[in-house]
PDB file of N, CA and C in Angstrom:
ATOM      1  N   UNK A   1      83.162 -18.978 -15.052  1.00  0.00           N
ATOM      2  CA  UNK A   1      82.388 -19.134 -13.833  1.00  0.00           C
ATOM      3  C   UNK A   1      80.921 -18.806 -14.084  1.00  0.00           C
ATOM      4  N   UNK A   2      80.674 -17.741 -14.856  1.00  0.00           N
ATOM      5  CA  UNK A   2      79.306 -17.370 -15.175  1.00  0.00           C
ATOM      6  C   UNK A   2      78.607 -18.478 -15.955  1.00  0.00           C
ATOM      7  N   UNK A   3      79.356 -19.106 -16.852  1.00  0.00           N
ATOM      8  CA  UNK A   3      78.799 -20.174 -17.670  1.00  0.00           C
ATOM      9  C   UNK A   3      78.436 -21.382 -16.813  1.00  0.00           C
ATOM     10  N   UNK A   4      79.263 -21.699 -15.826  1.00  0.00           N
ATOM     11  CA  UNK A   4      78.989 -22.836 -14.947  1.00  0.00           C
ATOM     12  C   UNK A   4      77.725 -22.594 -14.128  1.00  0.00           C
ATOM     13  N   UNK A   5      77.566 -21.395 -13.607  1.00  0.00           N
ATOM     14  CA  UNK A   5      76.376 -21.068 -12.820  1.00  0.00           C
ATOM     15  C   UNK A   5      75.131 -21.111 -13.701  1.00  0.00           C
ATOM     16  N   UNK A   6      75.253 -20.590 -14.922  1.00  0.00           N
ATOM     17  CA  UNK A   6      74.125 -20.609 -15.850  1.00  0.00           C
ATOM     18  C   UNK A   6      73.740 -22.044 -16.201  1.00  0.00           C
ATOM     19  N   UNK A   7      74.727 -22.910 -16.388  1.00  0.00           N
ATOM     20  CA  UNK A   7      74.456 -24.316 -16.690  1.00  0.00           C
ATOM     21  C   UNK A   7      73.734 -24.995 -15.541  1.00  0.00           C
ATOM     22  N   UNK A   8      74.186 -24.750 -14.323  1.00  0.00           N
ATOM     23  CA  UNK A   8      73.552 -25.359 -13.144  1.00  0.00           C
ATOM     24  C   UNK A   8      72.112 -24.882 -13.003  1.00  0.00           C
ATOM     25  N   UNK A   9      71.875 -23.602 -13.142  1.00  0.00           N
ATOM     26  CA  UNK A   9      70.515 -23.077 -13.021  1.00  0.00           C
ATOM     27  C   UNK A   9      69.609 -23.607 -14.130  1.00  0.00           C
ATOM     28  N   UNK A  10      70.137 -23.733 -15.333  1.00  0.00           N
ATOM     29  CA  UNK A  10      69.359 -24.292 -16.437  1.00  0.00           C
ATOM     30  C   UNK A  10      69.019 -25.752 -16.173  1.00  0.00           C
ATOM     31  N   UNK A  11      69.985 -26.513 -15.663  1.00  0.00           N
ATOM     32  CA  UNK A  11      69.733 -27.917 -15.353  1.00  0.00           C
ATOM     33  C   UNK A  11      68.655 -28.066 -14.285  1.00  0.00           C
ATOM     34  N   UNK A  12      68.739 -27.268 -13.235  1.00  0.00           N
ATOM     35  CA  UNK A  12      67.726 -27.318 -12.171  1.00  0.00           C
ATOM     36  C   UNK A  12      66.356 -26.956 -12.723  1.00  0.00           C
ATOM     37  N   UNK A  13      66.312 -25.969 -13.583  1.00  0.00           N
ATOM     38  CA  UNK A  13      65.047 -25.565 -14.196  1.00  0.00           C
ATOM     39  C   UNK A  13      64.469 -26.695 -15.040  1.00  0.00           C
ATOM     40  N   UNK A  14      65.286 -27.353 -15.832  1.00  0.00           N
ATOM     41  CA  UNK A  14      64.794 -28.429 -16.691  1.00  0.00           C
ATOM     42  C   UNK A  14      64.358 -29.650 -15.888  1.00  0.00           C
ATOM     43  N   UNK A  15      65.102 -29.989 -14.847  1.00  0.00           N
ATOM     44  CA  UNK A  15      64.809 -31.212 -14.099  1.00  0.00           C
ATOM     45  C   UNK A  15      63.640 -31.017 -13.139  1.00  0.00           C
ATOM     46  N   UNK A  16      63.670 -29.975 -12.324  1.00  0.00           N
ATOM     47  CA  UNK A  16      62.691 -29.831 -11.256  1.00  0.00           C
ATOM     48  C   UNK A  16      61.427 -29.107 -11.715  1.00  0.00           C
ATOM     49  N   UNK A  17      61.566 -28.046 -12.465  1.00  0.00           N
ATOM     50  CA  UNK A  17      60.405 -27.228 -12.800  1.00  0.00           C
ATOM     51  C   UNK A  17      59.693 -27.729 -14.054  1.00  0.00           C
ATOM     52  N   UNK A  18      60.419 -27.878 -15.154  1.00  0.00           N
ATOM     53  CA  UNK A  18      59.789 -28.284 -16.409  1.00  0.00           C
ATOM     54  C   UNK A  18      59.560 -29.782 -16.500  1.00  0.00           C
ATOM     55  N   UNK A  19      60.481 -30.562 -15.965  1.00  0.00           N
ATOM     56  CA  UNK A  19      60.358 -32.010 -16.055  1.00  0.00           C
ATOM     57  C   UNK A  19      60.830 -32.574 -17.373  1.00  0.00           C
ATOM     58  N   UNK A  20      61.435 -31.749 -18.205  1.00  0.00           N
ATOM     59  CA  UNK A  20      61.950 -32.182 -19.498  1.00  0.00           C
ATOM     60  C   UNK A  20      63.466 -32.086 -19.451  1.00  0.00           C
ATOM     61  N   UNK A  21      64.131 -33.219 -19.223  1.00  0.00           N
ATOM     62  CA  UNK A  21      65.581 -33.189 -19.103  1.00  0.00           C
ATOM     63  C   UNK A  21      66.170 -34.468 -19.667  1.00  0.00           C
ATOM     64  N   UNK A  22      67.461 -34.403 -19.943  1.00  0.00           N
ATOM     65  CA  UNK A  22      68.160 -35.605 -20.386  1.00  0.00           C
ATOM     66  C   UNK A  22      68.943 -36.188 -19.215  1.00  0.00           C
ATOM     67  N   UNK A  23      69.587 -37.299 -19.461  1.00  0.00           N
ATOM     68  CA  UNK A  23      70.281 -38.026 -18.384  1.00  0.00           C
ATOM     69  C   UNK A  23      71.432 -37.214 -17.791  1.00  0.00           C
ATOM     70  N   UNK A  24      72.108 -36.424 -18.593  1.00  0.00           N
ATOM     71  CA  UNK A  24      73.230 -35.627 -18.096  1.00  0.00           C
ATOM     72  C   UNK A  24      72.750 -34.569 -17.115  1.00  0.00           C
ATOM     73  N   UNK A  25      71.668 -33.900 -17.455  1.00  0.00           N
ATOM     74  CA  UNK A  25      71.123 -32.882 -16.551  1.00  0.00           C
ATOM     75  C   UNK A  25      70.646 -33.514 -15.253  1.00  0.00           C
ATOM     76  N   UNK A  26      70.010 -34.671 -15.338  1.00  0.00           N
ATOM     77  CA  UNK A  26      69.543 -35.353 -14.143  1.00  0.00           C
ATOM     78  C   UNK A  26      70.698 -35.756 -13.246  1.00  0.00           C
ATOM     79  N   UNK A  27      71.794 -36.213 -13.854  1.00  0.00           N
ATOM     80  CA  UNK A  27      72.963 -36.614 -13.064  1.00  0.00           C
ATOM     81  C   UNK A  27      73.588 -35.413 -12.359  1.00  0.00           C
ATOM     82  N   UNK A  28      73.681 -34.288 -13.047  1.00  0.00           N
ATOM     83  CA  UNK A  28      74.260 -33.090 -12.428  1.00  0.00           C
ATOM     84  C   UNK A  28      73.432 -32.629 -11.239  1.00  0.00           C
ATOM     85  N   UNK A  29      72.115 -32.605 -11.405  1.00  0.00           N
ATOM     86  CA  UNK A  29      71.246 -32.144 -10.323  1.00  0.00           C
ATOM     87  C   UNK A  29      71.276 -33.132  -9.160  1.00  0.00           C
ATOM     88  N   UNK A  30      71.318 -34.433  -9.467  1.00  0.00           N
ATOM     89  CA  UNK A  30      71.397 -35.429  -8.400  1.00  0.00           C
ATOM     90  C   UNK A  30      72.656 -35.233  -7.567  1.00  0.00           C
ATOM     91  N   UNK A  31      73.798 -35.065  -8.219  1.00  0.00           N
ATOM     92  CA  UNK A  31      75.044 -34.849  -7.474  1.00  0.00           C
ATOM     93  C   UNK A  31      75.012 -33.537  -6.705  1.00  0.00           C
ATOM     94  N   UNK A  32      74.431 -32.523  -7.330  1.00  0.00           N
ATOM     95  CA  UNK A  32      74.345 -31.218  -6.672  1.00  0.00           C
ATOM     96  C   UNK A  32      73.509 -31.293  -5.397  1.00  0.00           C
ATOM     97  N   UNK A  33      72.470 -32.122  -5.388  1.00  0.00           N
ATOM     98  CA  UNK A  33      71.609 -32.246  -4.216  1.00  0.00           C
ATOM     99  C   UNK A  33      72.059 -33.341  -3.258  1.00  0.00           C
ATOM    100  N   UNK A  34      72.653 -34.399  -3.779  1.00  0.00           N
ATOM    101  CA  UNK A  34      73.004 -35.552  -2.937  1.00  0.00           C
ATOM    102  C   UNK A  34      74.187 -35.263  -2.020  1.00  0.00           C
ATOM    103  N   UNK A  35      75.174 -34.563  -2.503  1.00  0.00           N
ATOM    104  CA  UNK A  35      76.378 -34.319  -1.702  1.00  0.00           C
ATOM    105  C   UNK A  35      76.069 -33.529  -0.434  1.00  0.00           C
ATOM    106  N   UNK A  36      75.352 -32.411  -0.492  1.00  0.00           N
ATOM    107  CA  UNK A  36      75.044 -31.698   0.764  1.00  0.00           C
ATOM    108  C   UNK A  36      74.129 -32.490   1.701  1.00  0.00           C
ATOM    109  N   UNK A  37      73.187 -33.239   1.146  1.00  0.00           N
ATOM    110  CA  UNK A  37      72.277 -34.021   1.990  1.00  0.00           C
ATOM    111  C   UNK A  37      73.041 -35.110   2.723  1.00  0.00           C
ATOM    112  N   UNK A  38      73.906 -35.821   2.021  1.00  0.00           N
ATOM    113  CA  UNK A  38      74.688 -36.872   2.664  1.00  0.00           C
ATOM    114  C   UNK A  38      75.641 -36.279   3.706  1.00  0.00           C
ATOM    115  N   UNK A  39      76.205 -35.128   3.417  1.00  0.00           N
ATOM    116  CA  UNK A  39      77.082 -34.476   4.391  1.00  0.00           C
ATOM    117  C   UNK A  39      76.315 -34.098   5.652  1.00  0.00           C
ATOM    118  N   UNK A  40      75.103 -33.598   5.482  1.00  0.00           N
ATOM    119  CA  UNK A  40      74.280 -33.243   6.644  1.00  0.00           C
ATOM    120  C   UNK A  40      73.907 -34.476   7.449  1.00  0.00           C
ATOM    121  N   UNK A  41      73.605 -35.570   6.770  1.00  0.00           N
ATOM    122  CA  UNK A  41      73.252 -36.801   7.488  1.00  0.00           C
ATOM    123  C   UNK A  41      74.426 -37.282   8.321  1.00  0.00           C
ATOM    124  N   UNK A  42      75.610 -37.284   7.751  1.00  0.00           N
ATOM    125  CA  UNK A  42      76.777 -37.757   8.478  1.00  0.00           C
ATOM    126  C   UNK A  42      77.230 -36.770   9.552  1.00  0.00           C
ATOM    127  N   UNK A  43      76.947 -35.486   9.372  1.00  0.00           N
ATOM    128  CA  UNK A  43      77.349 -34.493  10.357  1.00  0.00           C
ATOM    129  C   UNK A  43      76.456 -34.532  11.591  1.00  0.00           C
ATOM    130  N   UNK A  44      75.150 -34.602  11.378  1.00  0.00           N
ATOM    131  CA  UNK A  44      74.202 -34.472  12.482  1.00  0.00           C
ATOM    132  C   UNK A  44      73.782 -35.789  13.107  1.00  0.00           C
ATOM    133  N   UNK A  45      74.192 -36.876  12.551  1.00  0.00           N
ATOM    134  CA  UNK A  45      73.794 -38.144  13.159  1.00  0.00           C
ATOM    135  C   UNK A  45      74.265 -39.327  12.368  1.00  0.00           C
ATOM    136  N   UNK A  46      73.801 -40.442  12.780  1.00  0.00           N
ATOM    137  CA  UNK A  46      74.172 -41.691  12.156  1.00  0.00           C
ATOM    138  C   UNK A  46      73.355 -41.920  10.894  1.00  0.00           C
ATOM    139  N   UNK A  47      73.939 -42.596   9.931  1.00  0.00           N
ATOM    140  CA  UNK A  47      73.221 -42.947   8.723  1.00  0.00           C
ATOM    141  C   UNK A  47      72.054 -43.845   9.096  1.00  0.00           C
ATOM    142  N   UNK A  48      70.874 -43.646   8.508  1.00  0.00           N
ATOM    143  CA  UNK A  48      69.705 -44.427   8.927  1.00  0.00           C
ATOM    144  C   UNK A  48      69.925 -45.927   8.774  1.00  0.00           C
ATOM    145  N   UNK A  49      69.647 -46.667   9.840  1.00  0.00           N
ATOM    146  CA  UNK A  49      69.733 -48.110   9.815  1.00  0.00           C
ATOM    147  C   UNK A  49      68.345 -48.688   9.650  1.00  0.00           C
ATOM    148  N   UNK A  50      68.258 -49.716   8.861  1.00  0.00           N
ATOM    149  CA  UNK A  50      66.949 -50.324   8.596  1.00  0.00           C
ATOM    150  C   UNK A  50      66.811 -51.616   9.320  1.00  0.00           C
TER     151      UNK A  50
END
């Protein structure tokens, strides 16, 4: 569990703060951020229509 948390924090640091990341780190951070955002959109209202 400690290793998983350390990996997530390292990925966030590389992607958002340093800007030096590989595709795997970018994918992990995207999923980590996309799932809660999409859940909030569907919970509080309708998906944006264009």
